[in-house]
């Protein structure tokens, strides 16, 4: 199976202005996500799920009076669910995840992507994307995980991070031996990422 990718670009934040009623848009986020998706399809030869402010995989969002802006946290979670629920011993060699949009940093190591339905500083829904990577690192679904987050890491305000919901707290990959550490593909002799020079 080809490598898999989830690419997210949130550029429209219609109510994320300071007053909770005005926009706080990021004009480049959607175009950046499209450019990354293009690279992943044409160079890395990955199957890509593209989620942006305008739609998912080219289809426009259904917007209602209850959800006036998309994507929301459940839209992002839904992109990961097919991998989580797969019964295959391994989904693919590599999973790429790219996100662009407003963000926050609940701590120095992590980042949360703020979703399009944020409303001022009083309502800031978000998804801690690295938590997905951490979960997959303990599973056998993918051998390699690549995460790029093009979003702010503000720690000016404290918000509760939203971790992925509904994940079993089990590991299907044997735990690493004590003392093992990550080594670069070049140092370990592994195959470089597609499109990467050797």
N, C-alpha and C. Protein backbone atom coordinates (compact mmCIF):
# COMPACT_ATOMS: atom_id res chain seq x y z
N UNK A 1 0.84 -1.18 0.00
CA UNK A 1 0.00 0.00 0.00
C UNK A 1 0.88 1.24 0.00
N UNK A 2 0.49 2.27 -0.74
CA UNK A 2 1.31 3.49 -0.75
C UNK A 2 1.32 4.18 0.61
N UNK A 3 2.34 5.01 0.81
CA UNK A 3 2.38 5.82 2.02
C UNK A 3 1.11 6.65 2.11
N UNK A 4 0.74 7.01 3.33
CA UNK A 4 -0.48 7.76 3.58
C UNK A 4 -0.14 9.15 4.11
N UNK A 5 -1.05 10.11 3.87
CA UNK A 5 -0.80 11.48 4.33
C UNK A 5 -2.11 12.15 4.69
N UNK A 6 -2.07 12.93 5.74
CA UNK A 6 -3.18 13.80 6.13
C UNK A 6 -2.62 15.21 6.11
N UNK A 7 -3.21 16.06 5.29
CA UNK A 7 -2.74 17.44 5.12
C UNK A 7 -3.88 18.38 5.48
N UNK A 8 -3.62 19.31 6.38
CA UNK A 8 -4.65 20.22 6.88
C UNK A 8 -4.18 21.65 6.70
N UNK A 9 -5.05 22.50 6.15
CA UNK A 9 -4.77 23.93 6.04
C UNK A 9 -6.01 24.71 6.44
N UNK A 10 -5.96 25.37 7.59
CA UNK A 10 -7.09 26.18 8.05
C UNK A 10 -6.71 27.64 7.92
N UNK A 11 -7.35 28.31 6.97
CA UNK A 11 -7.07 29.72 6.74
C UNK A 11 -8.20 30.63 7.14
N UNK A 12 -9.40 30.09 7.26
CA UNK A 12 -10.58 30.89 7.58
C UNK A 12 -10.98 30.66 9.04
N UNK A 13 -10.88 31.72 9.82
CA UNK A 13 -11.30 31.74 11.22
C UNK A 13 -12.28 32.90 11.39
N UNK A 14 -13.55 32.69 11.03
CA UNK A 14 -14.49 33.81 10.94
C UNK A 14 -14.81 34.51 12.26
N UNK A 15 -14.61 33.83 13.40
CA UNK A 15 -14.94 34.45 14.69
C UNK A 15 -13.79 34.37 15.68
N UNK A 16 -12.56 34.29 15.20
CA UNK A 16 -11.41 34.17 16.08
C UNK A 16 -10.75 35.51 16.36
N UNK A 17 -11.38 36.61 15.97
CA UNK A 17 -10.88 37.92 16.35
C UNK A 17 -11.03 38.12 17.85
N UNK A 18 -10.37 39.12 18.40
CA UNK A 18 -10.36 39.35 19.85
C UNK A 18 -11.76 39.50 20.43
N UNK A 19 -12.71 40.06 19.65
CA UNK A 19 -14.06 40.26 20.17
C UNK A 19 -14.96 39.04 20.03
N UNK A 20 -14.48 37.98 19.39
CA UNK A 20 -15.27 36.77 19.22
C UNK A 20 -16.29 36.84 18.10
N UNK A 21 -16.31 37.95 17.36
CA UNK A 21 -17.26 38.11 16.25
C UNK A 21 -16.60 38.49 14.94
N UNK A 22 -15.32 38.80 14.97
CA UNK A 22 -14.63 39.22 13.77
C UNK A 22 -13.61 38.16 13.36
N UNK A 23 -13.20 38.19 12.08
CA UNK A 23 -12.27 37.15 11.60
C UNK A 23 -10.83 37.38 12.04
N UNK A 24 -10.08 36.32 12.01
CA UNK A 24 -8.64 36.35 12.24
C UNK A 24 -8.04 35.32 11.29
N UNK A 25 -8.13 35.61 10.00
CA UNK A 25 -7.77 34.65 8.96
C UNK A 25 -6.27 34.56 8.72
N UNK A 26 -5.86 33.44 8.15
CA UNK A 26 -4.48 33.22 7.74
C UNK A 26 -4.49 32.94 6.25
N UNK A 27 -4.22 33.95 5.42
CA UNK A 27 -4.40 33.79 3.98
C UNK A 27 -3.52 32.74 3.32
N UNK A 28 -2.38 32.39 3.88
CA UNK A 28 -1.50 31.44 3.21
C UNK A 28 -1.68 29.98 3.61
N UNK A 29 -2.46 29.70 4.65
CA UNK A 29 -2.52 28.34 5.18
C UNK A 29 -3.07 27.33 4.19
N UNK A 30 -4.13 27.67 3.48
CA UNK A 30 -4.74 26.73 2.54
C UNK A 30 -3.81 26.49 1.35
N UNK A 31 -3.21 27.55 0.82
CA UNK A 31 -2.30 27.39 -0.31
C UNK A 31 -1.06 26.58 0.09
N UNK A 32 -0.56 26.80 1.31
CA UNK A 32 0.58 26.01 1.78
C UNK A 32 0.21 24.53 1.86
N UNK A 33 -0.97 24.24 2.39
CA UNK A 33 -1.41 22.85 2.50
C UNK A 33 -1.55 22.22 1.11
N UNK A 34 -2.09 22.97 0.16
CA UNK A 34 -2.23 22.44 -1.20
C UNK A 34 -0.87 22.16 -1.82
N UNK A 35 0.11 23.02 -1.56
CA UNK A 35 1.45 22.81 -2.10
C UNK A 35 2.10 21.56 -1.49
N UNK A 36 1.93 21.36 -0.19
CA UNK A 36 2.47 20.17 0.46
C UNK A 36 1.77 18.92 -0.09
N UNK A 37 0.44 19.00 -0.24
CA UNK A 37 -0.31 17.86 -0.78
C UNK A 37 0.17 17.51 -2.19
N UNK A 38 0.43 18.53 -2.98
CA UNK A 38 0.92 18.31 -4.34
C UNK A 38 2.27 17.59 -4.32
N UNK A 39 3.17 18.02 -3.43
CA UNK A 39 4.47 17.36 -3.31
C UNK A 39 4.29 15.90 -2.87
N UNK A 40 3.42 15.68 -1.90
CA UNK A 40 3.21 14.33 -1.39
C UNK A 40 2.64 13.40 -2.47
N UNK A 41 1.75 13.91 -3.30
CA UNK A 41 1.15 13.09 -4.36
C UNK A 41 2.17 12.84 -5.47
N UNK A 42 2.83 13.89 -5.93
CA UNK A 42 3.66 13.79 -7.13
C UNK A 42 5.10 13.34 -6.89
N UNK A 43 5.66 13.65 -5.75
CA UNK A 43 7.04 13.28 -5.46
C UNK A 43 7.10 12.08 -4.51
N UNK A 44 6.38 12.16 -3.39
CA UNK A 44 6.41 11.06 -2.41
C UNK A 44 5.49 9.91 -2.81
N UNK A 45 4.60 10.15 -3.78
CA UNK A 45 3.67 9.12 -4.26
C UNK A 45 2.77 8.58 -3.14
N UNK A 46 2.33 9.48 -2.26
CA UNK A 46 1.47 9.11 -1.14
C UNK A 46 0.00 9.32 -1.49
N UNK A 47 -0.87 8.57 -0.83
CA UNK A 47 -2.31 8.83 -0.88
C UNK A 47 -2.58 9.93 0.13
N UNK A 48 -3.22 11.02 -0.31
CA UNK A 48 -3.38 12.20 0.54
C UNK A 48 -4.85 12.47 0.83
N UNK A 49 -5.15 12.72 2.10
CA UNK A 49 -6.43 13.29 2.50
C UNK A 49 -6.16 14.77 2.76
N UNK A 50 -6.77 15.64 1.95
CA UNK A 50 -6.55 17.09 2.05
C UNK A 50 -7.76 17.74 2.70
N UNK A 51 -7.54 18.35 3.85
CA UNK A 51 -8.60 19.01 4.61
C UNK A 51 -8.24 20.48 4.71
N UNK A 52 -9.12 21.34 4.17
CA UNK A 52 -8.86 22.79 4.24
C UNK A 52 -10.13 23.52 4.66
N UNK A 53 -10.02 24.82 4.76
CA UNK A 53 -11.17 25.65 5.11
C UNK A 53 -12.28 25.54 4.07
N UNK A 54 -11.92 25.19 2.85
CA UNK A 54 -12.93 25.14 1.79
C UNK A 54 -13.55 23.77 1.61
N UNK A 55 -12.93 22.71 2.12
CA UNK A 55 -13.52 21.38 1.95
C UNK A 55 -12.54 20.26 2.22
N UNK A 56 -12.98 19.05 1.92
CA UNK A 56 -12.16 17.86 2.11
C UNK A 56 -12.02 17.15 0.78
N UNK A 57 -10.78 16.93 0.37
CA UNK A 57 -10.46 16.29 -0.91
C UNK A 57 -11.21 16.94 -2.09
N UNK A 58 -11.33 18.26 -2.05
CA UNK A 58 -11.95 19.00 -3.16
C UNK A 58 -13.46 19.17 -3.05
N UNK A 59 -14.12 18.42 -2.16
CA UNK A 59 -15.57 18.56 -1.99
C UNK A 59 -15.85 19.63 -0.93
N UNK A 60 -16.78 20.55 -1.20
CA UNK A 60 -17.04 21.62 -0.22
C UNK A 60 -17.69 21.08 1.05
N UNK A 61 -17.44 21.81 2.14
CA UNK A 61 -18.04 21.45 3.42
C UNK A 61 -19.54 21.70 3.41
N UNK A 62 -20.26 20.90 4.15
CA UNK A 62 -21.66 21.19 4.46
C UNK A 62 -21.62 22.05 5.72
N UNK A 63 -22.11 23.27 5.61
CA UNK A 63 -22.07 24.20 6.74
C UNK A 63 -23.50 24.45 7.20
N UNK A 64 -23.71 24.41 8.51
CA UNK A 64 -25.04 24.63 9.08
C UNK A 64 -24.98 25.77 10.08
N UNK A 65 -26.14 26.11 10.65
CA UNK A 65 -26.13 27.16 11.67
C UNK A 65 -25.47 26.67 12.96
N UNK A 66 -25.34 25.34 13.12
CA UNK A 66 -24.67 24.82 14.30
C UNK A 66 -23.16 24.78 14.12
N UNK A 67 -22.70 24.53 12.92
CA UNK A 67 -21.26 24.53 12.61
C UNK A 67 -21.07 25.47 11.42
N UNK A 68 -20.74 26.72 11.73
CA UNK A 68 -20.64 27.73 10.68
C UNK A 68 -19.28 27.75 10.01
N UNK A 69 -18.29 27.13 10.63
CA UNK A 69 -16.94 27.14 10.05
C UNK A 69 -16.35 25.74 10.18
N UNK A 70 -15.65 25.31 9.16
CA UNK A 70 -15.02 23.99 9.17
C UNK A 70 -13.59 24.15 8.66
N UNK A 71 -12.71 23.23 9.00
CA UNK A 71 -12.92 22.01 9.76
C UNK A 71 -12.94 22.23 11.27
N UNK A 72 -13.63 21.33 11.95
CA UNK A 72 -13.69 21.31 13.41
C UNK A 72 -12.93 20.08 13.90
N UNK A 73 -12.80 19.94 15.19
CA UNK A 73 -12.00 18.86 15.76
C UNK A 73 -12.44 17.49 15.25
N UNK A 74 -13.74 17.26 15.17
CA UNK A 74 -14.21 15.94 14.72
C UNK A 74 -13.86 15.68 13.26
N UNK A 75 -13.76 16.73 12.43
CA UNK A 75 -13.33 16.55 11.03
C UNK A 75 -11.89 16.06 10.98
N UNK A 76 -11.05 16.60 11.84
CA UNK A 76 -9.65 16.20 11.86
C UNK A 76 -9.50 14.78 12.41
N UNK A 77 -10.19 14.49 13.50
CA UNK A 77 -10.15 13.13 14.05
C UNK A 77 -10.59 12.11 13.01
N UNK A 78 -11.63 12.45 12.24
CA UNK A 78 -12.20 11.51 11.27
C UNK A 78 -11.18 11.09 10.21
N UNK A 79 -10.21 11.94 9.92
CA UNK A 79 -9.19 11.59 8.92
C UNK A 79 -8.28 10.47 9.43
N UNK A 80 -8.09 10.38 10.74
CA UNK A 80 -7.22 9.36 11.31
C UNK A 80 -7.94 8.03 11.56
N UNK A 81 -9.26 8.08 11.74
CA UNK A 81 -10.02 6.89 12.15
C UNK A 81 -9.83 5.69 11.22
N UNK A 82 -9.83 5.84 9.88
CA UNK A 82 -9.64 4.64 9.05
C UNK A 82 -8.33 3.91 9.33
N UNK A 83 -7.30 4.64 9.71
CA UNK A 83 -6.03 3.99 10.03
C UNK A 83 -6.11 3.27 11.38
N UNK A 84 -6.77 3.92 12.35
CA UNK A 84 -6.91 3.34 13.68
C UNK A 84 -7.72 2.04 13.62
N UNK A 85 -8.76 2.03 12.82
CA UNK A 85 -9.67 0.87 12.78
C UNK A 85 -9.29 -0.18 11.75
N UNK A 86 -8.23 0.05 11.01
CA UNK A 86 -7.79 -0.92 10.02
C UNK A 86 -7.43 -2.24 10.69
N UNK A 87 -7.85 -3.33 10.06
CA UNK A 87 -7.50 -4.66 10.58
C UNK A 87 -6.25 -5.22 9.92
N UNK A 88 -5.67 -4.46 9.00
CA UNK A 88 -4.43 -4.91 8.34
C UNK A 88 -3.29 -4.90 9.37
N UNK A 89 -2.36 -5.83 9.25
CA UNK A 89 -1.22 -5.82 10.18
C UNK A 89 -0.42 -4.53 10.09
N UNK A 90 -0.36 -3.95 8.90
CA UNK A 90 0.32 -2.67 8.71
C UNK A 90 -0.43 -1.91 7.64
N UNK A 91 -0.73 -0.63 7.88
CA UNK A 91 -1.46 0.18 6.91
C UNK A 91 -0.55 0.60 5.77
N UNK A 92 0.63 1.09 6.10
CA UNK A 92 1.60 1.55 5.10
C UNK A 92 2.95 1.71 5.78
N UNK A 93 3.96 1.93 4.97
CA UNK A 93 5.30 2.16 5.52
C UNK A 93 5.35 3.46 6.32
N UNK A 94 4.78 4.53 5.76
CA UNK A 94 4.95 5.86 6.35
C UNK A 94 3.63 6.61 6.39
N UNK A 95 3.44 7.39 7.46
CA UNK A 95 2.32 8.34 7.57
C UNK A 95 2.91 9.73 7.68
N UNK A 96 2.49 10.60 6.77
CA UNK A 96 2.85 12.02 6.81
C UNK A 96 1.66 12.79 7.38
N UNK A 97 1.93 13.75 8.25
CA UNK A 97 0.89 14.64 8.74
C UNK A 97 1.43 16.07 8.64
N UNK A 98 0.67 16.93 7.96
CA UNK A 98 1.04 18.35 7.84
C UNK A 98 -0.15 19.18 8.27
N UNK A 99 0.08 20.18 9.09
CA UNK A 99 -0.99 21.10 9.47
C UNK A 99 -0.51 22.54 9.38
N UNK A 100 -1.41 23.41 8.93
CA UNK A 100 -1.15 24.85 8.88
C UNK A 100 -2.39 25.56 9.41
N UNK A 101 -2.18 26.51 10.28
CA UNK A 101 -3.29 27.27 10.87
C UNK A 101 -2.84 27.93 12.15
N UNK A 102 -3.79 28.51 12.88
CA UNK A 102 -3.47 29.06 14.19
C UNK A 102 -3.17 27.91 15.14
N UNK A 103 -2.30 28.17 16.12
CA UNK A 103 -1.95 27.11 17.05
C UNK A 103 -1.63 27.64 18.42
N UNK A 104 -1.44 26.71 19.33
CA UNK A 104 -1.03 27.04 20.68
C UNK A 104 -0.13 25.93 21.19
N UNK A 105 0.63 26.25 22.21
CA UNK A 105 1.58 25.29 22.78
C UNK A 105 1.27 25.09 24.25
N UNK A 106 0.60 23.99 24.59
CA UNK A 106 0.32 23.74 26.01
C UNK A 106 1.58 23.47 26.81
N UNK A 107 2.63 23.02 26.14
CA UNK A 107 3.94 22.86 26.77
C UNK A 107 4.99 22.97 25.67
N UNK A 108 6.24 22.95 26.06
CA UNK A 108 7.31 23.21 25.10
C UNK A 108 7.41 22.15 24.02
N UNK A 109 6.99 20.91 24.28
CA UNK A 109 7.15 19.83 23.33
C UNK A 109 5.99 19.71 22.36
N UNK A 110 4.84 20.20 22.72
CA UNK A 110 3.65 19.91 21.94
C UNK A 110 3.04 21.15 21.30
N UNK A 111 2.22 20.90 20.28
CA UNK A 111 1.49 21.96 19.59
C UNK A 111 0.08 21.47 19.35
N UNK A 112 -0.85 22.41 19.42
CA UNK A 112 -2.24 22.12 19.12
C UNK A 112 -2.67 23.01 17.96
N UNK A 113 -3.37 22.43 17.01
CA UNK A 113 -3.93 23.19 15.90
C UNK A 113 -5.30 23.69 16.33
N UNK A 114 -5.50 25.00 16.24
CA UNK A 114 -6.80 25.59 16.59
C UNK A 114 -7.74 25.40 15.40
N UNK A 115 -8.96 24.97 15.68
CA UNK A 115 -9.90 24.69 14.60
C UNK A 115 -10.70 25.94 14.22
N UNK A 116 -11.37 25.84 13.08
CA UNK A 116 -12.01 27.01 12.46
C UNK A 116 -13.15 27.60 13.25
N UNK A 117 -13.71 26.85 14.20
CA UNK A 117 -14.85 27.34 14.97
C UNK A 117 -14.45 28.10 16.23
N UNK A 118 -13.17 28.46 16.37
CA UNK A 118 -12.73 29.24 17.53
C UNK A 118 -13.47 30.57 17.56
N UNK A 119 -13.77 31.02 18.79
CA UNK A 119 -14.52 32.26 18.97
C UNK A 119 -13.81 33.14 20.00
N UNK A 120 -13.01 34.08 19.48
CA UNK A 120 -12.26 34.96 20.37
C UNK A 120 -11.31 34.16 21.26
N UNK A 121 -10.95 34.74 22.41
CA UNK A 121 -10.05 34.03 23.31
C UNK A 121 -10.81 33.19 24.34
N UNK A 122 -12.14 33.27 24.32
CA UNK A 122 -12.93 32.53 25.30
C UNK A 122 -13.28 31.12 24.88
N UNK A 123 -13.24 30.82 23.58
CA UNK A 123 -13.58 29.49 23.08
C UNK A 123 -12.55 29.13 22.02
N UNK A 124 -11.62 28.26 22.39
CA UNK A 124 -10.52 27.94 21.50
C UNK A 124 -10.41 26.41 21.35
N UNK A 125 -11.32 25.83 20.55
CA UNK A 125 -11.21 24.38 20.31
C UNK A 125 -9.95 24.07 19.52
N UNK A 126 -9.34 22.95 19.83
CA UNK A 126 -8.05 22.61 19.24
C UNK A 126 -7.87 21.10 19.24
N UNK A 127 -6.86 20.65 18.52
CA UNK A 127 -6.51 19.24 18.54
C UNK A 127 -5.00 19.12 18.66
N UNK A 128 -4.57 18.35 19.64
CA UNK A 128 -3.13 18.13 19.85
C UNK A 128 -2.68 17.06 18.85
N UNK A 129 -2.21 17.52 17.70
CA UNK A 129 -1.82 16.61 16.61
C UNK A 129 -0.67 15.67 17.03
N UNK A 130 0.35 16.15 17.77
CA UNK A 130 1.42 15.22 18.17
C UNK A 130 0.92 14.03 19.00
N UNK A 131 -0.24 14.16 19.64
CA UNK A 131 -0.79 13.03 20.40
C UNK A 131 -1.16 11.88 19.47
N UNK A 132 -1.62 12.22 18.24
CA UNK A 132 -1.86 11.17 17.26
C UNK A 132 -0.56 10.46 16.90
N UNK A 133 0.49 11.23 16.67
CA UNK A 133 1.79 10.66 16.32
C UNK A 133 2.29 9.77 17.46
N UNK A 134 2.15 10.25 18.70
CA UNK A 134 2.58 9.46 19.85
C UNK A 134 1.82 8.13 19.90
N UNK A 135 0.52 8.16 19.62
CA UNK A 135 -0.27 6.93 19.67
C UNK A 135 0.19 5.96 18.58
N UNK A 136 0.34 6.46 17.36
CA UNK A 136 0.77 5.59 16.27
C UNK A 136 2.17 5.04 16.49
N UNK A 137 3.02 5.77 17.21
CA UNK A 137 4.38 5.30 17.47
C UNK A 137 4.38 4.00 18.28
N UNK A 138 3.30 3.76 19.02
CA UNK A 138 3.20 2.53 19.82
C UNK A 138 2.39 1.44 19.13
N UNK A 139 2.03 1.66 17.87
CA UNK A 139 1.22 0.70 17.13
C UNK A 139 2.03 0.16 15.95
N UNK A 140 1.48 -0.83 15.28
CA UNK A 140 2.17 -1.42 14.13
C UNK A 140 1.62 -0.92 12.80
N UNK A 141 0.75 0.09 12.81
CA UNK A 141 0.12 0.58 11.59
C UNK A 141 1.11 1.15 10.58
N UNK A 142 2.12 1.87 11.08
CA UNK A 142 3.12 2.52 10.23
C UNK A 142 4.51 2.30 10.85
N UNK A 143 5.51 2.15 9.98
CA UNK A 143 6.88 2.04 10.48
C UNK A 143 7.52 3.40 10.70
N UNK A 144 7.08 4.39 9.93
CA UNK A 144 7.67 5.73 10.02
C UNK A 144 6.56 6.77 10.08
N UNK A 145 6.82 7.81 10.85
CA UNK A 145 5.85 8.90 11.04
C UNK A 145 6.57 10.22 10.80
N UNK A 146 5.96 11.09 9.99
CA UNK A 146 6.55 12.41 9.71
C UNK A 146 5.50 13.48 10.01
N UNK A 147 5.82 14.41 10.89
CA UNK A 147 4.90 15.46 11.30
C UNK A 147 5.51 16.82 11.02
N UNK A 148 4.74 17.67 10.29
CA UNK A 148 5.10 19.08 10.11
C UNK A 148 3.92 19.90 10.63
N UNK A 149 4.21 20.86 11.50
CA UNK A 149 3.16 21.76 11.97
C UNK A 149 3.59 23.19 11.71
N UNK A 150 2.87 23.85 10.82
CA UNK A 150 3.13 25.24 10.49
C UNK A 150 2.07 26.08 11.20
N UNK A 151 2.25 26.21 12.52
CA UNK A 151 1.30 27.00 13.30
C UNK A 151 2.02 27.60 14.50
N UNK A 152 1.41 28.64 15.05
CA UNK A 152 2.01 29.32 16.20
C UNK A 152 2.12 28.37 17.37
N UNK A 153 2.95 28.75 18.30
CA UNK A 153 3.09 27.99 19.53
C UNK A 153 2.94 28.90 20.72
N UNK A 154 1.89 29.71 20.71
CA UNK A 154 1.73 30.68 21.78
C UNK A 154 1.46 29.99 23.11
N UNK A 155 2.10 30.50 24.14
CA UNK A 155 1.84 30.06 25.50
C UNK A 155 1.33 31.22 26.34
N UNK A 156 0.88 32.28 25.65
CA UNK A 156 0.42 33.49 26.35
C UNK A 156 -0.84 33.22 27.16
N UNK A 157 -1.69 32.35 26.68
CA UNK A 157 -2.92 32.00 27.39
C UNK A 157 -2.94 30.49 27.59
N UNK A 158 -3.53 30.07 28.68
CA UNK A 158 -3.61 28.64 28.95
C UNK A 158 -4.94 28.09 28.47
N UNK A 159 -4.87 27.06 27.66
CA UNK A 159 -6.06 26.37 27.18
C UNK A 159 -5.88 24.88 27.41
N UNK A 160 -6.97 24.21 27.56
CA UNK A 160 -6.91 22.76 27.68
C UNK A 160 -6.65 22.16 26.32
N UNK A 161 -5.66 21.31 26.24
CA UNK A 161 -5.38 20.64 24.98
C UNK A 161 -6.42 19.55 24.75
N UNK A 162 -6.78 19.35 23.49
CA UNK A 162 -7.75 18.31 23.15
C UNK A 162 -7.00 17.17 22.50
N UNK A 163 -6.93 16.08 23.22
CA UNK A 163 -6.26 14.88 22.70
C UNK A 163 -7.26 14.10 21.84
N UNK A 164 -6.76 13.25 20.94
CA UNK A 164 -7.66 12.42 20.15
C UNK A 164 -8.56 11.58 21.06
N UNK A 165 -9.81 11.46 20.67
CA UNK A 165 -10.78 10.73 21.49
C UNK A 165 -10.96 9.30 20.99
N UNK A 166 -11.31 8.41 21.89
CA UNK A 166 -11.70 7.06 21.52
C UNK A 166 -10.58 6.10 21.20
N UNK A 167 -9.35 6.44 21.53
CA UNK A 167 -8.23 5.54 21.23
C UNK A 167 -8.02 4.54 22.37
N UNK A 168 -7.87 3.29 22.00
CA UNK A 168 -7.56 2.28 23.00
C UNK A 168 -6.18 2.55 23.58
N UNK A 169 -6.05 2.40 24.86
CA UNK A 169 -4.78 2.64 25.53
C UNK A 169 -3.96 1.36 25.56
N UNK A 170 -3.72 0.82 24.38
CA UNK A 170 -2.94 -0.41 24.26
C UNK A 170 -1.88 -0.18 23.19
N UNK A 171 -0.86 -0.96 23.27
CA UNK A 171 0.21 -0.87 22.26
C UNK A 171 0.31 -2.19 21.52
N UNK A 172 0.35 -2.12 20.20
CA UNK A 172 0.52 -3.33 19.41
C UNK A 172 1.96 -3.52 18.98
N UNK A 173 2.80 -2.57 19.26
CA UNK A 173 4.22 -2.67 18.94
C UNK A 173 4.96 -2.95 20.24
N UNK A 174 5.90 -3.88 20.24
CA UNK A 174 6.64 -4.14 21.48
C UNK A 174 7.33 -2.87 21.95
N UNK A 175 7.41 -2.66 23.26
CA UNK A 175 8.10 -1.46 23.75
C UNK A 175 9.56 -1.49 23.36
N UNK A 176 10.11 -0.30 23.19
CA UNK A 176 11.53 -0.21 22.84
C UNK A 176 12.38 -0.63 24.02
N UNK A 177 13.53 -1.20 23.71
CA UNK A 177 14.44 -1.59 24.77
C UNK A 177 15.00 -0.34 25.45
N UNK A 178 15.24 -0.40 26.74
CA UNK A 178 15.86 0.75 27.42
C UNK A 178 17.19 1.09 26.74
N UNK A 179 17.44 2.35 26.60
CA UNK A 179 18.69 2.79 26.00
C UNK A 179 18.62 2.97 24.50
N UNK A 180 17.53 2.53 23.86
CA UNK A 180 17.41 2.73 22.41
C UNK A 180 17.07 4.19 22.15
N UNK A 181 17.61 4.72 21.11
CA UNK A 181 17.31 6.10 20.76
C UNK A 181 17.09 6.19 19.27
N UNK A 182 16.45 7.25 18.84
CA UNK A 182 16.20 7.48 17.42
C UNK A 182 17.50 7.85 16.75
N UNK A 183 17.70 7.31 15.54
CA UNK A 183 18.86 7.68 14.72
C UNK A 183 18.36 8.12 13.38
N UNK A 184 19.06 9.03 12.79
CA UNK A 184 18.66 9.53 11.49
C UNK A 184 18.70 8.40 10.47
N UNK A 185 17.88 8.48 9.40
CA UNK A 185 17.92 7.44 8.37
C UNK A 185 19.32 7.25 7.80
N UNK A 186 20.06 8.34 7.63
CA UNK A 186 21.41 8.23 7.06
C UNK A 186 22.32 7.45 8.00
N UNK A 187 22.23 7.74 9.30
CA UNK A 187 23.11 7.07 10.26
C UNK A 187 22.76 5.61 10.41
N UNK A 188 21.47 5.28 10.29
CA UNK A 188 21.06 3.89 10.51
C UNK A 188 21.07 3.07 9.23
N UNK A 189 21.33 3.72 8.09
CA UNK A 189 21.33 3.00 6.82
C UNK A 189 19.95 2.78 6.25
N UNK A 190 18.91 3.41 6.84
CA UNK A 190 17.54 3.24 6.34
C UNK A 190 17.37 4.00 5.05
N UNK A 191 16.32 3.65 4.33
CA UNK A 191 16.01 4.33 3.07
C UNK A 191 15.56 5.75 3.36
N UNK A 192 16.11 6.77 2.67
CA UNK A 192 15.67 8.14 2.89
C UNK A 192 14.22 8.31 2.44
N UNK A 193 13.58 9.36 2.93
CA UNK A 193 12.22 9.66 2.51
C UNK A 193 12.21 9.91 1.02
N UNK A 194 11.11 9.52 0.37
CA UNK A 194 11.00 9.73 -1.08
C UNK A 194 11.16 11.21 -1.39
N UNK A 195 11.96 11.52 -2.37
CA UNK A 195 12.19 12.91 -2.75
C UNK A 195 13.34 13.54 -1.98
N UNK A 196 13.89 12.82 -0.99
CA UNK A 196 14.99 13.33 -0.18
C UNK A 196 16.30 12.84 -0.79
N UNK A 197 17.28 13.72 -0.86
CA UNK A 197 18.56 13.30 -1.40
C UNK A 197 19.28 12.40 -0.41
N UNK A 198 20.11 11.54 -0.93
CA UNK A 198 20.82 10.61 -0.05
C UNK A 198 22.06 11.25 0.50
